Each structure stands twice: as structure tokens, then as C-alpha cells.
Amino acid sequence: MNVFYFGGYLATPIDVSAWRGSLQKKLTDATIFAYAWPNGASAGDPLAGWTDTQHLAELIDGQDDGDTIIIGHSSGCAYANAVAGYLLKLMNFKQFRLIALDGFTPCPELMAMPGTVRWSALNMRSGATSRNYVVSQPPHYRVWDKAKVSNEWPLHFSLVNLAVSDDHPTIQDGYINCDANTDVLGIAVAETS
């Protein structure tokens, strides 16, 4: 399995490395690539000045294992969507799943693919929702309702980090004590003792 993760706005190399490290412990046989937020990119138009779509698509296409997951979180979904779109349209590479975690919704062509899912988060007790909450119909739109936090930013990060806390409610706190959320990735992970 190959996993390509694009962190959201202001995700640092330390942040995405924490996520990657946590996921690697859960998926020991996977090859995981994690990309920090590019310097100077804006949250509203992340692709302005972005030139890595083709390079990353070719990297993905060159992997031997056909089981590939492309994941974006928040504004990082713009990068995940761009790379997935390039793979789909220009290279006809369809052996991947695209997962958008509370961020830019993939284009209709990508959303129509069987492995594409767009997630939001909800606290069932309080009714609080994640930063970019979207309500729509399954199977391609899903709501993760197991969050134990109720503030907007922690809910936003609960899709990435199971250890997120309402005690750390800012965008800079999302990866603290990172415990990668595999539920939203559709990956079964064996329990370790």
C-alpha cells in the first residue's frame, strides 16, 4: 500500500512527520509520503504558484503496488485533488482512492470514482461541526461522528488525529500527540497490545 498525504494550511514538516510516523506504526507494510504546507501558499487559493502536480502524479504512477490512497486535509485537499485529477485525466491511472478530509471537495469526475470520499466531523452530543462541514448524501460524503471534541478546530483535526483535544483549540495544535485516524481512511488496523 502507498499513502500520499497533503497537510492543510500551515501544516509544518514536523506536523506531517508526526502523522506519518503514527500511521507507519499502524501500517507497518505501507509506504507513506507526507507533504507539509508549501511556503507562501494561501489557504484560499493553494494552487496559485503550485508546480508539483505532474511530478507527484508521476511518482505515484511509478509505485509498484497498485493499492494507493491519496489524502488531503483541509486546504491540502486542493493538492490531493489536483494530483488525483492529473492521474485520472492525463495518465488514465485509476487504481487509487481519494480521501478529502474536511477540505476542498473533489471535482464531480473524481467524486464519481468508487474510492473517493469527502469527510466532515460532528460531535454527536453537542451538534458541533468541523471547520468545513458539508452535509450531503453517502456513499461519497461521510460524517465522522466519533469525535470526542466539540470545538471547531479540534473537530477539523479529529479526522487526522484521534488525540486532538479541546484544550488545544487552534490550527497550530492539530497534530499534538498525533494518533492517525485510520477510520476515515477505510483501513482496518490490527489492535496492538
Protein backbone atom coordinates (compact mmCIF):
# COMPACT_ATOMS: atom_id res chain seq x y z
CA MET A 1 0.00 0.00 0.00
CA ASN A 2 1.15 3.53 -0.82
CA VAL A 3 -0.24 6.52 1.04
CA PHE A 4 0.22 10.13 -0.09
CA TYR A 5 -0.88 12.74 2.46
CA PHE A 6 -1.14 16.51 1.92
CA GLY A 7 -1.38 18.51 5.14
CA GLY A 8 -3.59 21.55 5.36
CA TYR A 9 -2.85 25.24 5.74
CA LEU A 10 0.30 25.85 7.80
CA ALA A 11 0.97 22.13 8.41
CA THR A 12 4.70 22.02 9.10
CA PRO A 13 7.16 19.27 8.23
CA ILE A 14 7.10 18.33 11.93
CA ASP A 15 3.28 18.08 11.84
CA VAL A 16 3.07 15.84 8.80
CA SER A 17 6.01 13.76 10.06
CA ALA A 18 4.10 13.16 13.30
CA TRP A 19 1.09 11.98 11.29
CA ARG A 20 3.25 9.85 9.02
CA GLY A 21 5.05 8.28 12.00
CA SER A 22 1.79 7.41 13.72
CA LEU A 23 0.31 5.88 10.59
CA GLN A 24 3.52 3.96 9.88
CA LYS A 25 3.26 2.29 13.31
CA LYS A 26 -0.26 1.16 12.40
CA LEU A 27 0.53 0.16 8.81
CA THR A 28 4.00 -1.30 9.00
CA ASP A 29 3.94 -2.61 5.42
CA ALA A 30 2.83 0.69 3.85
CA THR A 31 4.99 3.27 2.12
CA ILE A 32 3.83 6.67 3.36
CA PHE A 33 4.64 10.06 1.86
CA ALA A 34 3.55 13.17 3.77
CA TYR A 35 3.74 16.71 2.40
CA ALA A 36 3.79 19.88 4.51
CA TRP A 37 2.05 23.08 3.51
CA PRO A 38 4.12 24.87 0.84
CA ASN A 39 5.77 28.12 1.95
CA GLY A 40 3.88 31.16 0.77
CA ALA A 41 0.73 29.32 -0.34
CA SER A 42 -2.62 30.79 0.63
CA ALA A 43 -5.45 28.78 2.15
CA GLY A 44 -7.99 30.24 -0.27
CA ASP A 45 -6.03 29.53 -3.47
CA PRO A 46 -3.44 26.87 -2.63
CA LEU A 47 -2.71 26.02 -6.26
CA ALA A 48 -1.51 29.52 -7.19
CA GLY A 49 2.19 29.04 -7.88
CA TRP A 50 1.97 25.25 -7.36
CA THR A 51 4.07 23.35 -9.92
CA ASP A 52 4.37 19.86 -8.43
CA THR A 53 1.19 18.18 -9.71
CA GLN A 54 2.80 16.34 -12.63
CA HIS A 55 5.90 15.37 -10.66
CA LEU A 56 3.86 13.89 -7.79
CA ALA A 57 1.44 12.15 -10.16
CA GLU A 58 4.39 10.52 -11.90
CA LEU A 59 5.82 9.49 -8.52
CA ILE A 60 2.50 7.83 -7.66
CA ASP A 61 2.24 6.20 -11.07
CA GLY A 62 5.76 4.80 -10.65
CA GLN A 63 4.96 2.90 -7.45
CA ASP A 64 4.87 -0.88 -7.84
CA ASP A 65 1.93 -1.54 -5.51
CA GLY A 66 -1.45 -0.79 -7.11
CA ASP A 67 -3.16 -0.03 -3.78
CA THR A 68 -2.78 3.75 -3.49
CA ILE A 69 -4.53 6.24 -1.23
CA ILE A 70 -4.27 9.97 -1.87
CA ILE A 71 -5.36 12.04 1.13
CA GLY A 72 -5.82 15.76 1.60
CA HIS A 73 -6.69 17.55 4.82
CA SER A 74 -8.35 20.96 4.78
CA SER A 75 -6.74 23.20 2.15
CA GLY A 76 -4.33 20.35 1.43
CA CYS A 77 -7.25 18.73 -0.39
CA ALA A 78 -6.52 21.14 -3.26
CA TYR A 79 -3.17 19.41 -3.81
CA ALA A 80 -4.58 15.90 -3.38
CA ASN A 81 -7.40 16.70 -5.81
CA ALA A 82 -5.01 18.21 -8.38
CA VAL A 83 -2.70 15.19 -8.29
CA ALA A 84 -5.61 12.73 -8.44
CA GLY A 85 -7.16 14.68 -11.31
CA TYR A 86 -3.89 14.56 -13.24
CA LEU A 87 -3.63 10.83 -12.70
CA LEU A 88 -7.20 10.29 -13.83
CA LYS A 89 -7.32 12.57 -16.89
CA LEU A 90 -3.86 12.60 -18.35
CA MET A 91 -2.48 9.25 -17.35
CA ASN A 92 -5.71 7.24 -17.04
CA PHE A 93 -4.41 5.91 -13.72
CA LYS A 94 -7.45 4.76 -11.79
CA GLN A 95 -6.04 2.46 -9.15
CA PHE A 96 -6.27 4.89 -6.27
CA ARG A 97 -8.64 6.06 -3.61
CA LEU A 98 -9.01 9.79 -2.95
CA ILE A 99 -9.95 10.94 0.54
CA ALA A 100 -10.77 14.58 1.25
CA LEU A 101 -10.73 15.35 4.97
CA ASP A 102 -12.83 18.43 5.73
CA GLY A 103 -11.46 20.45 2.82
CA PHE A 104 -11.92 21.25 -0.86
CA THR A 105 -14.42 18.85 -2.41
CA PRO A 106 -13.03 16.92 -5.39
CA CYS A 107 -14.44 17.72 -8.85
CA PRO A 108 -17.51 15.73 -9.97
CA GLU A 109 -15.40 13.35 -12.09
CA LEU A 110 -13.25 12.43 -9.08
CA MET A 111 -16.27 12.30 -6.75
CA ALA A 112 -17.87 9.74 -9.08
CA MET A 113 -14.98 7.31 -8.60
CA PRO A 114 -15.85 4.41 -6.28
CA GLY A 115 -12.92 5.06 -3.91
CA THR A 116 -13.48 8.78 -3.40
CA VAL A 117 -14.84 10.01 -0.07
CA ARG A 118 -15.28 13.54 1.32
CA TRP A 119 -15.37 13.58 5.15
CA SER A 120 -16.59 16.08 7.74
CA ALA A 121 -16.73 15.68 11.52
CA LEU A 122 -19.57 16.04 14.01
CA ASN A 123 -19.80 15.85 17.79
CA MET A 124 -22.99 13.86 18.35
CA ARG A 125 -23.57 15.17 21.88
CA SER A 126 -23.24 18.88 21.20
CA GLY A 127 -24.07 19.01 17.50
CA ALA A 128 -20.85 20.98 16.87
CA THR A 129 -19.30 20.54 13.44
CA SER A 130 -15.86 20.69 11.90
CA ARG A 131 -14.46 23.78 10.18
CA ASN A 132 -15.51 22.82 6.63
CA TYR A 133 -18.53 20.69 7.45
CA VAL A 134 -20.59 19.58 4.45
CA VAL A 135 -23.83 17.66 4.57
CA SER A 136 -24.60 15.51 1.56
CA GLN A 137 -25.58 12.01 0.70
CA PRO A 138 -23.49 8.83 1.05
CA PRO A 139 -21.63 7.00 -0.29
CA HIS A 140 -19.17 9.72 -1.28
CA TYR A 141 -19.93 12.16 1.53
CA ARG A 142 -19.49 10.91 5.06
CA VAL A 143 -19.61 12.33 8.56
CA TRP A 144 -17.25 11.03 11.22
CA ASP A 145 -19.34 11.18 14.38
CA LYS A 146 -16.93 9.56 16.86
CA ALA A 147 -15.17 12.82 17.75
CA LYS A 148 -14.82 13.43 21.47
CA VAL A 149 -14.07 17.13 20.97
CA SER A 150 -16.53 19.94 20.38
CA ASN A 151 -14.54 22.99 19.29
CA GLU A 152 -14.37 23.81 15.57
CA TRP A 153 -10.60 23.38 15.05
CA PRO A 154 -10.26 20.21 17.14
CA LEU A 155 -13.21 18.72 15.24
CA HIS A 156 -11.48 19.71 12.00
CA PHE A 157 -8.32 17.89 13.12
CA SER A 158 -10.16 14.87 14.58
CA LEU A 159 -10.25 13.47 11.06
CA VAL A 160 -6.45 13.41 11.11
CA ASN A 161 -5.56 12.99 14.79
CA LEU A 162 -7.53 10.92 17.29
CA ALA A 163 -5.61 12.54 20.17
CA VAL A 164 -6.70 16.08 19.35
CA SER A 165 -8.05 17.98 22.35
CA ASP A 166 -10.39 20.88 23.11
CA ASP A 167 -7.61 22.02 25.47
CA HIS A 168 -5.60 22.89 22.35
CA PRO A 169 -8.15 24.65 20.12
CA THR A 170 -6.01 26.35 17.45
CA ILE A 171 -4.85 25.41 13.97
CA GLN A 172 -1.29 25.09 15.27
CA ASP A 173 -2.38 22.42 17.79
CA GLY A 174 -3.92 19.88 15.42
CA TYR A 175 -1.06 17.39 15.37
CA ILE A 176 -0.16 17.39 19.09
CA ASN A 177 0.37 13.78 20.31
CA CYS A 178 -0.66 12.62 16.84
CA ASP A 179 -2.58 9.37 16.64
CA ALA A 180 -3.52 8.97 12.97
CA ASN A 181 -7.23 8.41 12.40
CA THR A 182 -7.46 5.29 10.24
CA ASP A 183 -11.26 5.05 10.44
CA VAL A 184 -11.65 7.76 7.81
CA LEU A 185 -9.05 6.12 5.60
CA GLY A 186 -11.05 2.93 5.29
CA ILE A 187 -8.13 0.90 6.59
CA ALA A 188 -8.53 -1.90 9.09
CA VAL A 189 -5.70 -1.83 11.60
CA ALA A 190 -4.97 -4.76 13.90
CA GLU A 191 -5.02 -3.88 17.57
CA THR A 192 -1.61 -3.96 19.21
CA SER A 193 -1.03 -4.81 22.85
